N, C-alpha and C. Protein backbone atom coordinates (compact mmCIF):
# COMPACT_ATOMS: atom_id res chain seq x y z
N UNK A 1 113.67 99.71 95.02
CA UNK A 1 114.44 100.38 96.04
C UNK A 1 114.59 99.45 97.23
N UNK A 2 115.72 99.47 97.82
CA UNK A 2 116.03 98.57 98.91
C UNK A 2 115.35 98.98 100.21
N UNK A 3 114.55 98.07 100.71
CA UNK A 3 113.90 98.27 102.01
C UNK A 3 114.96 98.35 103.11
N UNK A 4 116.17 97.87 102.81
CA UNK A 4 117.25 97.87 103.81
C UNK A 4 117.65 99.27 104.26
N UNK A 5 117.32 100.29 103.50
CA UNK A 5 117.63 101.67 103.90
C UNK A 5 116.68 102.19 104.98
N UNK A 6 115.53 101.57 105.14
CA UNK A 6 114.53 102.09 106.08
C UNK A 6 115.07 102.16 107.51
N UNK A 7 115.74 101.13 108.03
CA UNK A 7 116.28 101.27 109.40
C UNK A 7 117.24 102.45 109.55
N UNK A 8 118.07 102.71 108.54
CA UNK A 8 119.00 103.84 108.63
C UNK A 8 118.25 105.16 108.60
N UNK A 9 117.27 105.27 107.72
CA UNK A 9 116.46 106.49 107.65
C UNK A 9 115.75 106.70 108.98
N UNK A 10 115.17 105.64 109.52
CA UNK A 10 114.48 105.74 110.81
C UNK A 10 115.46 106.17 111.91
N UNK A 11 116.63 105.56 111.92
CA UNK A 11 117.66 105.90 112.92
C UNK A 11 118.04 107.38 112.85
N UNK A 12 118.15 107.91 111.65
CA UNK A 12 118.53 109.31 111.47
C UNK A 12 117.36 110.27 111.71
N UNK A 13 116.16 109.82 111.41
CA UNK A 13 114.97 110.68 111.51
C UNK A 13 114.45 110.83 112.94
N UNK A 14 114.44 109.77 113.70
CA UNK A 14 113.80 109.82 115.02
C UNK A 14 114.39 110.87 115.95
N UNK A 15 115.70 111.10 115.99
CA UNK A 15 116.20 112.20 116.83
C UNK A 15 115.71 113.57 116.36
N UNK A 16 115.51 113.72 115.06
CA UNK A 16 114.96 114.99 114.53
C UNK A 16 113.53 115.17 115.03
N UNK A 17 112.72 114.12 114.91
CA UNK A 17 111.33 114.20 115.36
C UNK A 17 111.23 114.40 116.87
N UNK A 18 112.20 113.88 117.60
CA UNK A 18 112.19 114.04 119.06
C UNK A 18 112.34 115.50 119.48
N UNK A 19 112.84 116.35 118.59
CA UNK A 19 112.97 117.79 118.89
C UNK A 19 111.67 118.55 118.69
N UNK A 20 110.67 117.91 118.17
CA UNK A 20 109.40 118.58 117.91
C UNK A 20 108.78 119.10 119.20
N UNK A 21 108.16 120.28 119.15
CA UNK A 21 107.44 120.77 120.33
C UNK A 21 106.16 119.96 120.60
N UNK A 22 105.79 119.12 119.64
CA UNK A 22 104.65 118.20 119.83
C UNK A 22 105.26 116.89 120.31
N UNK A 23 105.19 116.61 121.61
CA UNK A 23 105.95 115.48 122.17
C UNK A 23 105.60 114.12 121.58
N UNK A 24 104.41 113.97 121.06
CA UNK A 24 104.01 112.67 120.52
C UNK A 24 104.39 112.47 119.06
N UNK A 25 105.07 113.41 118.42
CA UNK A 25 105.40 113.29 117.00
C UNK A 25 106.26 112.06 116.68
N UNK A 26 107.23 111.76 117.52
CA UNK A 26 108.09 110.60 117.28
C UNK A 26 107.26 109.31 117.32
N UNK A 27 106.46 109.16 118.36
CA UNK A 27 105.62 107.96 118.49
C UNK A 27 104.60 107.91 117.35
N UNK A 28 104.09 109.06 116.96
CA UNK A 28 103.12 109.12 115.86
C UNK A 28 103.74 108.61 114.55
N UNK A 29 104.95 109.05 114.24
CA UNK A 29 105.61 108.61 113.01
C UNK A 29 105.77 107.09 112.99
N UNK A 30 106.21 106.53 114.10
CA UNK A 30 106.38 105.07 114.19
C UNK A 30 105.04 104.36 114.08
N UNK A 31 104.01 104.95 114.68
CA UNK A 31 102.68 104.34 114.64
C UNK A 31 102.06 104.43 113.25
N UNK A 32 102.30 105.53 112.54
CA UNK A 32 101.81 105.64 111.16
C UNK A 32 102.46 104.55 110.31
N UNK A 33 103.75 104.33 110.49
CA UNK A 33 104.41 103.25 109.76
C UNK A 33 103.79 101.90 110.11
N UNK A 34 103.51 101.67 111.38
CA UNK A 34 102.88 100.40 111.79
C UNK A 34 101.51 100.23 111.14
N UNK A 35 100.73 101.31 111.11
CA UNK A 35 99.40 101.25 110.47
C UNK A 35 99.54 101.01 108.96
N UNK A 36 100.50 101.65 108.33
CA UNK A 36 100.72 101.43 106.89
C UNK A 36 100.98 99.95 106.64
N UNK A 37 101.84 99.35 107.45
CA UNK A 37 102.16 97.93 107.27
C UNK A 37 100.95 97.04 107.56
N UNK A 38 100.11 97.47 108.47
CA UNK A 38 98.91 96.71 108.77
C UNK A 38 97.89 96.82 107.64
N UNK A 39 97.72 98.02 107.12
CA UNK A 39 96.73 98.26 106.06
C UNK A 39 97.20 97.73 104.70
N UNK A 40 98.51 97.76 104.48
CA UNK A 40 99.07 97.29 103.21
C UNK A 40 100.38 96.55 103.52
N UNK A 41 100.28 95.27 103.86
CA UNK A 41 101.47 94.51 104.27
C UNK A 41 102.61 94.52 103.25
N UNK A 42 102.32 94.71 101.99
CA UNK A 42 103.37 94.75 100.97
C UNK A 42 103.76 96.19 100.61
N UNK A 43 103.58 97.12 101.55
CA UNK A 43 103.89 98.53 101.30
C UNK A 43 105.31 98.68 100.78
N UNK A 44 105.45 99.47 99.73
CA UNK A 44 106.78 99.64 99.13
C UNK A 44 107.61 100.65 99.93
N UNK A 45 108.85 100.80 99.50
CA UNK A 45 109.82 101.67 100.16
C UNK A 45 109.29 103.10 100.27
N UNK A 46 108.80 103.65 99.17
CA UNK A 46 108.35 105.05 99.17
C UNK A 46 107.23 105.27 100.17
N UNK A 47 106.28 104.37 100.24
CA UNK A 47 105.17 104.52 101.18
C UNK A 47 105.65 104.42 102.62
N UNK A 48 106.55 103.52 102.90
CA UNK A 48 107.06 103.38 104.26
C UNK A 48 107.86 104.61 104.69
N UNK A 49 108.68 105.13 103.81
CA UNK A 49 109.46 106.34 104.13
C UNK A 49 108.53 107.54 104.29
N UNK A 50 107.54 107.65 103.42
CA UNK A 50 106.57 108.75 103.55
C UNK A 50 105.84 108.68 104.89
N UNK A 51 105.53 107.47 105.33
CA UNK A 51 104.87 107.31 106.63
C UNK A 51 105.74 107.87 107.75
N UNK A 52 107.01 107.59 107.70
CA UNK A 52 107.93 108.08 108.74
C UNK A 52 108.12 109.59 108.69
N UNK A 53 108.18 110.15 107.50
CA UNK A 53 108.55 111.56 107.32
C UNK A 53 107.38 112.52 107.15
N UNK A 54 106.15 112.04 107.18
CA UNK A 54 105.02 112.87 106.74
C UNK A 54 104.79 114.13 107.58
N UNK A 55 105.24 114.18 108.81
CA UNK A 55 105.05 115.38 109.65
C UNK A 55 106.37 116.03 110.04
N UNK A 56 107.41 115.80 109.28
CA UNK A 56 108.75 116.25 109.65
C UNK A 56 108.85 117.76 109.84
N UNK A 57 108.03 118.54 109.18
CA UNK A 57 108.14 120.00 109.30
C UNK A 57 107.85 120.48 110.72
N UNK A 58 107.14 119.71 111.49
CA UNK A 58 106.80 120.13 112.85
C UNK A 58 107.99 120.05 113.81
N UNK A 59 109.07 119.40 113.39
CA UNK A 59 110.23 119.23 114.26
C UNK A 59 111.02 120.52 114.46
N UNK A 60 110.83 121.50 113.62
CA UNK A 60 111.55 122.76 113.74
C UNK A 60 110.62 123.81 114.33
N UNK A 61 110.81 124.08 115.59
CA UNK A 61 109.95 125.01 116.33
C UNK A 61 109.84 126.37 115.65
N UNK A 62 110.90 126.82 115.00
CA UNK A 62 110.93 128.17 114.45
C UNK A 62 110.40 128.27 113.02
N UNK A 63 110.39 127.15 112.29
CA UNK A 63 109.94 127.18 110.90
C UNK A 63 108.65 126.41 110.68
N UNK A 64 108.12 125.83 111.72
CA UNK A 64 106.93 125.00 111.54
C UNK A 64 105.71 125.82 111.16
N UNK A 65 104.81 125.18 110.45
CA UNK A 65 103.56 125.81 110.04
C UNK A 65 102.65 125.91 111.27
N UNK A 66 102.04 127.07 111.45
CA UNK A 66 101.18 127.29 112.62
C UNK A 66 99.74 127.51 112.19
N UNK A 67 98.84 126.88 112.90
CA UNK A 67 97.40 126.97 112.61
C UNK A 67 96.92 128.42 112.61
N UNK A 68 97.40 129.21 113.51
CA UNK A 68 96.95 130.59 113.66
C UNK A 68 97.22 131.45 112.42
N UNK A 69 98.12 131.00 111.56
CA UNK A 69 98.47 131.77 110.37
C UNK A 69 97.54 131.52 109.18
N UNK A 70 96.49 130.71 109.37
CA UNK A 70 95.62 130.33 108.26
C UNK A 70 94.15 130.58 108.61
N UNK A 71 93.39 130.93 107.58
CA UNK A 71 91.96 131.18 107.78
C UNK A 71 91.16 129.92 108.01
N UNK A 72 91.62 128.81 107.44
CA UNK A 72 90.88 127.55 107.60
C UNK A 72 91.82 126.42 108.00
N UNK A 73 91.23 125.42 108.63
CA UNK A 73 92.01 124.25 109.04
C UNK A 73 92.53 123.51 107.80
N UNK A 74 91.73 123.43 106.75
CA UNK A 74 92.16 122.76 105.52
C UNK A 74 93.37 123.47 104.90
N UNK A 75 93.36 124.79 104.87
CA UNK A 75 94.51 125.53 104.32
C UNK A 75 95.76 125.28 105.15
N UNK A 76 95.60 125.26 106.46
CA UNK A 76 96.71 124.94 107.37
C UNK A 76 97.26 123.56 107.07
N UNK A 77 96.39 122.56 106.95
CA UNK A 77 96.84 121.18 106.73
C UNK A 77 97.50 121.04 105.36
N UNK A 78 97.00 121.74 104.36
CA UNK A 78 97.61 121.70 103.04
C UNK A 78 99.02 122.29 103.08
N UNK A 79 99.18 123.42 103.75
CA UNK A 79 100.51 124.05 103.87
C UNK A 79 101.45 123.15 104.67
N UNK A 80 100.94 122.54 105.72
CA UNK A 80 101.74 121.61 106.52
C UNK A 80 102.24 120.44 105.66
N UNK A 81 101.38 119.88 104.86
CA UNK A 81 101.75 118.73 104.03
C UNK A 81 102.83 119.12 103.01
N UNK A 82 102.67 120.25 102.38
CA UNK A 82 103.66 120.69 101.39
C UNK A 82 105.00 121.03 102.05
N UNK A 83 104.95 121.69 103.18
CA UNK A 83 106.21 122.01 103.89
C UNK A 83 106.89 120.73 104.36
N UNK A 84 106.13 119.76 104.85
CA UNK A 84 106.71 118.48 105.26
C UNK A 84 107.36 117.78 104.07
N UNK A 85 106.73 117.85 102.90
CA UNK A 85 107.31 117.25 101.70
C UNK A 85 108.64 117.92 101.35
N UNK A 86 108.69 119.25 101.46
CA UNK A 86 109.93 119.98 101.17
C UNK A 86 111.04 119.60 102.14
N UNK A 87 110.71 119.57 103.44
CA UNK A 87 111.71 119.24 104.46
C UNK A 87 112.17 117.79 104.31
N UNK A 88 111.23 116.89 104.05
CA UNK A 88 111.59 115.48 103.87
C UNK A 88 112.49 115.32 102.66
N UNK A 89 112.21 116.04 101.59
CA UNK A 89 113.04 115.94 100.39
C UNK A 89 114.48 116.38 100.69
N UNK A 90 114.62 117.44 101.44
CA UNK A 90 115.97 117.90 101.84
C UNK A 90 116.65 116.83 102.70
N UNK A 91 115.93 116.29 103.65
CA UNK A 91 116.47 115.25 104.54
C UNK A 91 116.92 114.03 103.74
N UNK A 92 116.14 113.63 102.76
CA UNK A 92 116.40 112.39 102.01
C UNK A 92 117.49 112.54 100.96
N UNK A 93 117.95 113.76 100.71
CA UNK A 93 119.00 113.96 99.70
C UNK A 93 120.32 113.29 100.09
N UNK A 94 120.50 112.98 101.36
CA UNK A 94 121.75 112.35 101.80
C UNK A 94 121.75 110.83 101.61
N UNK A 95 120.66 110.30 101.05
CA UNK A 95 120.55 108.85 100.82
C UNK A 95 120.60 108.58 99.32
N UNK A 96 121.11 107.42 98.94
CA UNK A 96 121.22 107.10 97.50
C UNK A 96 119.87 106.64 96.92
N UNK A 97 118.97 107.59 96.76
CA UNK A 97 117.63 107.27 96.25
C UNK A 97 117.49 107.75 94.82
N UNK A 98 116.93 106.92 93.96
CA UNK A 98 116.65 107.37 92.59
C UNK A 98 115.66 108.53 92.60
N UNK A 99 115.77 109.38 91.61
CA UNK A 99 114.90 110.55 91.52
C UNK A 99 113.43 110.21 91.53
N UNK A 100 113.04 109.14 90.84
CA UNK A 100 111.61 108.80 90.80
C UNK A 100 111.10 108.36 92.17
N UNK A 101 111.96 107.74 92.97
CA UNK A 101 111.55 107.33 94.32
C UNK A 101 111.40 108.56 95.21
N UNK A 102 112.37 109.47 95.14
CA UNK A 102 112.25 110.71 95.93
C UNK A 102 111.03 111.50 95.50
N UNK A 103 110.74 111.53 94.21
CA UNK A 103 109.56 112.23 93.72
C UNK A 103 108.28 111.60 94.25
N UNK A 104 108.24 110.30 94.30
CA UNK A 104 107.05 109.60 94.81
C UNK A 104 106.87 109.88 96.31
N UNK A 105 107.95 109.85 97.06
CA UNK A 105 107.88 110.17 98.50
C UNK A 105 107.37 111.59 98.67
N UNK A 106 107.91 112.52 97.90
CA UNK A 106 107.47 113.91 97.96
C UNK A 106 105.97 114.01 97.69
N UNK A 107 105.51 113.36 96.63
CA UNK A 107 104.09 113.39 96.26
C UNK A 107 103.22 112.82 97.39
N UNK A 108 103.63 111.70 97.95
CA UNK A 108 102.84 111.08 99.03
C UNK A 108 102.72 112.01 100.23
N UNK A 109 103.84 112.60 100.63
CA UNK A 109 103.81 113.49 101.79
C UNK A 109 103.02 114.76 101.48
N UNK A 110 103.25 115.34 100.31
CA UNK A 110 102.57 116.60 99.95
C UNK A 110 101.06 116.44 99.88
N UNK A 111 100.59 115.22 99.69
CA UNK A 111 99.15 114.98 99.54
C UNK A 111 98.55 114.11 100.64
N UNK A 112 99.30 113.89 101.71
CA UNK A 112 98.84 112.93 102.72
C UNK A 112 97.62 113.39 103.52
N UNK A 113 97.34 114.65 103.55
CA UNK A 113 96.20 115.13 104.33
C UNK A 113 94.86 114.96 103.61
N UNK A 114 94.87 115.05 102.28
CA UNK A 114 93.61 115.04 101.53
C UNK A 114 93.51 113.94 100.49
N UNK A 115 94.63 113.35 100.12
CA UNK A 115 94.61 112.29 99.14
C UNK A 115 94.41 112.79 97.73
N UNK A 116 94.47 111.84 96.81
CA UNK A 116 94.22 112.08 95.39
C UNK A 116 93.38 110.90 94.92
N UNK A 117 92.23 111.17 94.30
CA UNK A 117 91.38 110.06 93.86
C UNK A 117 92.15 109.05 93.00
N UNK A 118 91.97 107.78 93.32
CA UNK A 118 92.57 106.71 92.55
C UNK A 118 93.97 106.29 92.98
N UNK A 119 94.56 106.99 93.94
CA UNK A 119 95.90 106.62 94.40
C UNK A 119 95.76 105.82 95.69
N UNK A 120 95.80 104.50 95.58
CA UNK A 120 95.58 103.62 96.72
C UNK A 120 96.62 103.81 97.82
N UNK A 121 97.89 103.96 97.44
CA UNK A 121 98.93 104.14 98.46
C UNK A 121 98.70 105.42 99.26
N UNK A 122 98.28 106.45 98.60
CA UNK A 122 97.99 107.70 99.29
C UNK A 122 96.80 107.54 100.23
N UNK A 123 95.81 106.78 99.83
CA UNK A 123 94.68 106.49 100.72
C UNK A 123 95.13 105.71 101.95
N UNK A 124 96.05 104.78 101.76
CA UNK A 124 96.60 104.02 102.89
C UNK A 124 97.33 104.97 103.84
N UNK A 125 98.16 105.85 103.30
CA UNK A 125 98.89 106.80 104.15
C UNK A 125 97.94 107.72 104.90
N UNK A 126 96.93 108.21 104.22
CA UNK A 126 95.96 109.11 104.86
C UNK A 126 95.22 108.39 105.99
N UNK A 127 94.78 107.16 105.74
CA UNK A 127 94.12 106.37 106.79
C UNK A 127 95.06 106.08 107.94
N UNK A 128 96.30 105.70 107.63
CA UNK A 128 97.28 105.39 108.69
C UNK A 128 97.54 106.63 109.55
N UNK A 129 97.65 107.78 108.93
CA UNK A 129 97.87 109.03 109.65
C UNK A 129 96.68 109.33 110.56
N UNK A 130 95.47 109.19 110.04
CA UNK A 130 94.28 109.48 110.84
C UNK A 130 94.13 108.49 111.99
N UNK A 131 94.29 107.20 111.70
CA UNK A 131 94.16 106.20 112.76
C UNK A 131 95.20 106.42 113.85
N UNK A 132 96.39 106.79 113.44
CA UNK A 132 97.43 107.07 114.43
C UNK A 132 97.09 108.31 115.26
N UNK A 133 96.50 109.33 114.63
CA UNK A 133 96.06 110.48 115.42
C UNK A 133 95.11 110.01 116.53
N UNK A 134 94.13 109.21 116.15
CA UNK A 134 93.17 108.72 117.14
C UNK A 134 93.85 107.86 118.20
N UNK A 135 94.80 107.06 117.79
CA UNK A 135 95.43 106.12 118.72
C UNK A 135 96.54 106.74 119.57
N UNK A 136 97.38 107.58 118.97
CA UNK A 136 98.56 108.10 119.67
C UNK A 136 98.42 109.56 120.09
N UNK A 137 97.98 110.41 119.18
CA UNK A 137 98.00 111.85 119.43
C UNK A 137 96.83 112.36 120.27
N UNK A 138 95.69 111.72 120.13
CA UNK A 138 94.46 112.26 120.71
C UNK A 138 94.54 112.59 122.21
N UNK A 139 95.03 111.71 123.06
CA UNK A 139 95.06 112.07 124.48
C UNK A 139 95.86 113.36 124.77
N UNK A 140 97.02 113.50 124.16
CA UNK A 140 97.82 114.71 124.38
C UNK A 140 97.17 115.93 123.73
N UNK A 141 96.58 115.74 122.57
CA UNK A 141 95.89 116.83 121.89
C UNK A 141 94.75 117.36 122.77
N UNK A 142 93.98 116.46 123.33
CA UNK A 142 92.88 116.83 124.21
C UNK A 142 93.39 117.62 125.42
N UNK A 143 94.48 117.16 125.99
CA UNK A 143 95.05 117.84 127.16
C UNK A 143 95.53 119.25 126.80
N UNK A 144 96.12 119.41 125.61
CA UNK A 144 96.62 120.72 125.17
C UNK A 144 95.51 121.66 124.72
N UNK A 145 94.53 121.12 123.97
CA UNK A 145 93.58 121.96 123.26
C UNK A 145 92.20 122.08 123.89
N UNK A 146 91.83 121.14 124.75
CA UNK A 146 90.51 121.19 125.38
C UNK A 146 89.43 120.54 124.54
N UNK A 147 88.23 120.50 125.09
CA UNK A 147 87.12 119.75 124.50
C UNK A 147 86.67 120.32 123.15
N UNK A 148 86.45 121.60 123.08
CA UNK A 148 85.89 122.20 121.85
C UNK A 148 86.78 121.97 120.63
N UNK A 149 88.06 122.31 120.77
CA UNK A 149 89.00 122.13 119.65
C UNK A 149 89.19 120.66 119.33
N UNK A 150 89.19 119.81 120.35
CA UNK A 150 89.35 118.38 120.13
C UNK A 150 88.17 117.80 119.36
N UNK A 151 86.97 118.22 119.70
CA UNK A 151 85.79 117.74 118.96
C UNK A 151 85.86 118.13 117.48
N UNK A 152 86.28 119.35 117.22
CA UNK A 152 86.41 119.80 115.82
C UNK A 152 87.48 118.97 115.09
N UNK A 153 88.59 118.72 115.76
CA UNK A 153 89.67 117.92 115.16
C UNK A 153 89.24 116.48 114.94
N UNK A 154 88.46 115.94 115.88
CA UNK A 154 87.95 114.57 115.73
C UNK A 154 87.04 114.46 114.51
N UNK A 155 86.16 115.42 114.35
CA UNK A 155 85.27 115.40 113.19
C UNK A 155 86.06 115.48 111.90
N UNK A 156 87.03 116.38 111.85
CA UNK A 156 87.86 116.52 110.66
C UNK A 156 88.59 115.20 110.37
N UNK A 157 89.18 114.62 111.39
CA UNK A 157 89.91 113.37 111.22
C UNK A 157 89.02 112.21 110.82
N UNK A 158 87.85 112.14 111.42
CA UNK A 158 86.93 111.06 111.09
C UNK A 158 86.45 111.17 109.65
N UNK A 159 86.17 112.39 109.21
CA UNK A 159 85.67 112.60 107.85
C UNK A 159 86.66 112.16 106.78
N UNK A 160 87.94 112.16 107.08
CA UNK A 160 88.93 111.77 106.08
C UNK A 160 89.21 110.27 106.07
N UNK A 161 88.64 109.53 107.00
CA UNK A 161 88.84 108.08 107.06
C UNK A 161 88.03 107.34 106.00
N UNK A 162 88.61 106.30 105.43
CA UNK A 162 87.85 105.41 104.54
C UNK A 162 86.87 104.60 105.38
N UNK A 163 85.92 103.94 104.73
CA UNK A 163 84.97 103.08 105.46
C UNK A 163 85.69 101.99 106.23
N UNK A 164 86.72 101.40 105.63
CA UNK A 164 87.49 100.35 106.31
C UNK A 164 88.17 100.90 107.56
N UNK A 165 88.78 102.06 107.44
CA UNK A 165 89.47 102.67 108.59
C UNK A 165 88.47 103.06 109.68
N UNK A 166 87.28 103.46 109.31
CA UNK A 166 86.25 103.79 110.30
C UNK A 166 85.90 102.56 111.14
N UNK A 167 85.90 101.41 110.51
CA UNK A 167 85.65 100.17 111.26
C UNK A 167 86.81 99.87 112.21
N UNK A 168 88.03 100.09 111.77
CA UNK A 168 89.20 99.86 112.62
C UNK A 168 89.21 100.83 113.80
N UNK A 169 88.75 102.05 113.58
CA UNK A 169 88.69 103.05 114.65
C UNK A 169 87.84 102.56 115.82
N UNK A 170 86.81 101.82 115.54
CA UNK A 170 85.92 101.32 116.59
C UNK A 170 86.65 100.46 117.62
N UNK A 171 87.82 99.93 117.26
CA UNK A 171 88.56 99.04 118.15
C UNK A 171 89.64 99.75 118.97
N UNK A 172 89.80 101.04 118.75
CA UNK A 172 90.77 101.81 119.54
C UNK A 172 90.08 102.25 120.82
N UNK A 173 90.74 102.01 121.94
CA UNK A 173 90.17 102.37 123.25
C UNK A 173 91.05 103.41 123.94
N UNK A 174 90.47 104.06 124.94
CA UNK A 174 91.15 105.15 125.64
C UNK A 174 91.02 104.96 127.14
N UNK A 175 92.03 105.43 127.85
CA UNK A 175 92.00 105.31 129.32
C UNK A 175 91.13 106.40 129.95
N UNK A 176 90.93 107.51 129.25
CA UNK A 176 90.10 108.59 129.79
C UNK A 176 88.68 108.47 129.26
N UNK A 177 87.70 108.34 130.14
CA UNK A 177 86.31 108.19 129.68
C UNK A 177 85.81 109.34 128.82
N UNK A 178 86.25 110.56 129.09
CA UNK A 178 85.77 111.70 128.30
C UNK A 178 86.25 111.62 126.84
N UNK A 179 87.43 111.08 126.63
CA UNK A 179 87.93 110.89 125.26
C UNK A 179 87.14 109.78 124.58
N UNK A 180 86.95 108.68 125.30
CA UNK A 180 86.16 107.57 124.77
C UNK A 180 84.77 108.05 124.35
N UNK A 181 84.17 108.89 125.18
CA UNK A 181 82.83 109.40 124.90
C UNK A 181 82.83 110.30 123.66
N UNK A 182 83.83 111.17 123.53
CA UNK A 182 83.90 112.06 122.36
C UNK A 182 84.06 111.25 121.07
N UNK A 183 84.97 110.28 121.07
CA UNK A 183 85.19 109.47 119.87
C UNK A 183 83.93 108.69 119.54
N UNK A 184 83.33 108.08 120.54
CA UNK A 184 82.11 107.31 120.30
C UNK A 184 81.00 108.20 119.73
N UNK A 185 80.88 109.43 120.24
CA UNK A 185 79.83 110.33 119.74
C UNK A 185 80.09 110.71 118.28
N UNK A 186 81.34 110.90 117.90
CA UNK A 186 81.66 111.20 116.51
C UNK A 186 81.32 110.01 115.61
N UNK A 187 81.70 108.84 116.04
CA UNK A 187 81.42 107.62 115.26
C UNK A 187 79.91 107.45 115.08
N UNK A 188 79.19 107.58 116.17
CA UNK A 188 77.73 107.36 116.10
C UNK A 188 77.04 108.45 115.29
N UNK A 189 77.50 109.69 115.39
CA UNK A 189 76.84 110.77 114.63
C UNK A 189 77.08 110.62 113.13
N UNK A 190 78.17 109.98 112.76
CA UNK A 190 78.50 109.84 111.34
C UNK A 190 78.02 108.52 110.74
N UNK A 191 77.83 107.51 111.60
CA UNK A 191 77.45 106.19 111.05
C UNK A 191 76.09 105.73 111.51
N UNK A 192 75.57 106.35 112.53
CA UNK A 192 74.22 106.01 113.02
C UNK A 192 74.10 104.76 113.80
């Protein structure tokens, strides 16, 4: 598949993500793509497009998946991933993509929160998503949700990181000391 389509997809996608009620979603999508390229420099077309589209369902204020509608955070994240895969598939139908490529993008997005054992590209996407949360989303999340919810989200996000990504997390810094302290406490409690 031609990597040359990625700039057009990005051009068409970013205005959609900019409508998200989560203001950092656009920056997060771009940062996930940057992390994917850093973690796997030879990332193929499907992985790069999945990185850009993985949270697309949040862009529609009225149809987005809401945490309050689920008994557990894991159930919420699973529903979010599947809905994002559905929305991304609809979005990508306007591009000349072979069915197997669209299917792979769908699979990557639908499973980006929890991964599938043995799928290296999916592990890269999951790590890139988590690292980007820590790097891009965390300050705004903390401001919106407060300390208690942020600590729970940090633990959840840290637990899904690979050992390699946990080492990379140590190099992310924050301008707010309270965020730096929370992240450091999660790292130390999990790695000793």
